[in-house]
Structure formats: C-alpha cells, structure tokens
Amino acid sequence: MKKALMYFALGTVLSFLINYFFYSSDNVGLDIYYALSFGIAWGIAYYLDTPNFTLPQKLGISFVAMGILVLIGTFIFSLELAIPSILKFSTVFVAYYLIASFRANKSLRS
C-alpha cells in the first residue's frame, strides 16, 4: 500500500509539473485535477497488480474510479473538462499493464 501511495504521489507531482510548465492551461485547478487523475491511475494500477485481483475485478475497480473522477470533475468544472481525466486515467492504466506484460511474471511489482 505504501508503494501504491508513492506511485500516486509521484505520478501526481510529475504530471502537474509537466502540465503546468509545458501546457499551461491558465487554470491551476484544472491542472491539479488532471494530475490527480494521472496519479490515481498509477496508484490504483500498482495496487491492483497482484494475483489477488482477477481481470474483471481490476477492470471494475478502474471503471468505478473513472466514474468517480468524472463525477467530481463535473461538479467542480464541467463534463467537457472532466472527460479528459478519464482519458488520462485509462491511458495510464493500460500503459501500466502493457509495460507489465513484457515482463516474465507479468507484473511490475517484483
């Protein structure tokens, strides 16, 4: 769990810094929201990267997390601004497991 939180924190900070300095959306709150979706995706992907979770469970948990992100984003900003958060989330989630698939044990944990 500690490493999952570390992945979340590092993913959030790195994503925020990249968005803030290179893309500069002029809305720091939106940059933070997108960074959080990126960090949450890395943290959840790492946390679920165990044999204890089946593929349907991993997908279900990721869909629930995306739904929560959209709800929060819709309340704070708008639906049009909340949609990119799930695109970031799903891209990171798929990238994590794609990278893991190249390893012999199909996990990035060990």
Protein backbone atom coordinates (compact mmCIF):
# COMPACT_ATOMS: atom_id res chain seq x y z
CA MET A 1 0.00 0.00 0.00
CA LYS A 2 2.90 2.37 0.74
CA LYS A 3 4.31 1.91 -2.75
CA ALA A 4 0.87 2.46 -4.30
CA LEU A 5 0.67 5.77 -2.44
CA MET A 6 4.18 6.60 -3.60
CA TYR A 7 3.18 5.88 -7.23
CA PHE A 8 0.12 8.10 -6.71
CA ALA A 9 2.18 10.96 -5.26
CA LEU A 10 4.97 10.77 -7.85
CA GLY A 11 2.52 10.45 -10.73
CA THR A 12 0.52 13.41 -9.49
CA VAL A 13 3.52 15.67 -8.94
CA LEU A 14 5.21 14.80 -12.23
CA SER A 15 2.01 15.18 -14.21
CA PHE A 16 1.24 18.53 -12.59
CA LEU A 17 4.70 19.88 -13.26
CA ILE A 18 4.58 18.79 -16.91
CA ASN A 19 1.09 20.23 -17.43
CA TYR A 20 1.85 23.45 -15.58
CA PHE A 21 5.18 24.27 -17.21
CA PHE A 22 4.71 22.87 -20.71
CA TYR A 23 0.99 23.12 -21.45
CA SER A 24 -0.06 26.00 -19.16
CA SER A 25 -3.83 25.78 -19.29
CA ASP A 26 -4.17 29.01 -17.28
CA ASN A 27 -6.31 27.09 -14.81
CA VAL A 28 -4.22 25.68 -11.98
CA GLY A 29 -7.23 23.88 -10.51
CA LEU A 30 -7.75 22.01 -13.75
CA ASP A 31 -4.04 21.16 -13.91
CA ILE A 32 -4.26 19.75 -10.38
CA TYR A 33 -7.39 17.76 -11.28
CA TYR A 34 -5.74 16.21 -14.34
CA ALA A 35 -2.59 15.49 -12.35
CA LEU A 36 -4.66 13.76 -9.67
CA SER A 37 -6.33 11.57 -12.29
CA PHE A 38 -2.89 10.62 -13.62
CA GLY A 39 -1.56 9.86 -10.13
CA ILE A 40 -4.66 7.95 -9.10
CA ALA A 41 -4.32 5.78 -12.20
CA TRP A 42 -0.71 4.87 -11.39
CA GLY A 43 -1.53 4.23 -7.73
CA ILE A 44 -4.55 2.03 -8.48
CA ALA A 45 -2.76 0.14 -11.25
CA TYR A 46 0.14 -0.63 -8.92
CA TYR A 47 -2.20 -1.58 -6.06
CA LEU A 48 -4.19 -3.95 -8.29
CA ASP A 49 -1.06 -5.54 -9.75
CA THR A 50 -1.32 -8.70 -7.67
CA PRO A 51 -2.70 -12.17 -8.37
CA ASN A 52 -5.30 -11.49 -5.64
CA PHE A 53 -7.39 -9.49 -8.14
CA THR A 54 -8.91 -11.07 -11.22
CA LEU A 55 -9.04 -9.19 -14.51
CA PRO A 56 -12.77 -8.44 -14.15
CA GLN A 57 -12.13 -7.04 -10.67
CA LYS A 58 -9.29 -4.85 -11.96
CA LEU A 59 -11.47 -3.54 -14.77
CA GLY A 60 -14.43 -3.00 -12.45
CA ILE A 61 -12.37 -1.06 -9.93
CA SER A 62 -10.82 1.05 -12.67
CA PHE A 63 -14.27 1.85 -14.12
CA VAL A 64 -15.55 2.85 -10.68
CA ALA A 65 -12.52 5.11 -10.21
CA MET A 66 -13.12 6.70 -13.64
CA GLY A 67 -16.77 7.26 -12.77
CA ILE A 68 -15.83 8.96 -9.52
CA LEU A 69 -13.32 11.15 -11.37
CA VAL A 70 -15.96 12.21 -13.87
CA LEU A 71 -18.50 12.97 -11.14
CA ILE A 72 -16.04 15.07 -9.18
CA GLY A 73 -14.81 16.82 -12.33
CA THR A 74 -18.37 17.54 -13.45
CA PHE A 75 -19.27 19.10 -10.11
CA ILE A 76 -16.12 21.21 -9.91
CA PHE A 77 -15.67 22.13 -13.59
CA SER A 78 -17.96 20.77 -16.32
CA LEU A 79 -18.49 17.49 -18.12
CA GLU A 80 -16.43 18.71 -21.09
CA LEU A 81 -13.45 19.35 -18.81
CA ALA A 82 -13.96 16.15 -16.81
CA ILE A 83 -13.81 13.80 -19.82
CA PRO A 84 -10.04 14.26 -20.43
CA SER A 85 -9.39 12.97 -16.91
CA ILE A 86 -10.77 9.54 -17.81
CA LEU A 87 -8.74 9.56 -21.00
CA LYS A 88 -5.60 10.20 -18.94
CA PHE A 89 -6.64 7.60 -16.38
CA SER A 90 -7.40 4.87 -18.91
CA THR A 91 -4.24 5.60 -20.90
CA VAL A 92 -2.06 5.27 -17.82
CA PHE A 93 -3.90 2.17 -16.63
CA VAL A 94 -3.48 0.42 -19.98
CA ALA A 95 0.15 1.57 -20.29
CA TYR A 96 0.95 0.14 -16.86
CA TYR A 97 -0.35 -3.30 -17.78
CA LEU A 98 1.16 -3.13 -21.26
CA ILE A 99 4.59 -2.50 -19.76
CA ALA A 100 3.99 -5.28 -17.22
CA SER A 101 3.05 -7.71 -19.99
CA PHE A 102 6.60 -7.60 -21.33
CA ARG A 103 7.98 -8.99 -18.09
CA ALA A 104 8.17 -12.72 -17.49
CA ASN A 105 5.98 -12.57 -14.37
CA LYS A 106 3.52 -10.07 -15.94
CA SER A 107 3.89 -7.68 -13.00
CA LEU A 108 5.82 -4.52 -12.24
CA ARG A 109 5.70 -5.19 -8.52
CA SER A 110 8.64 -7.55 -8.30
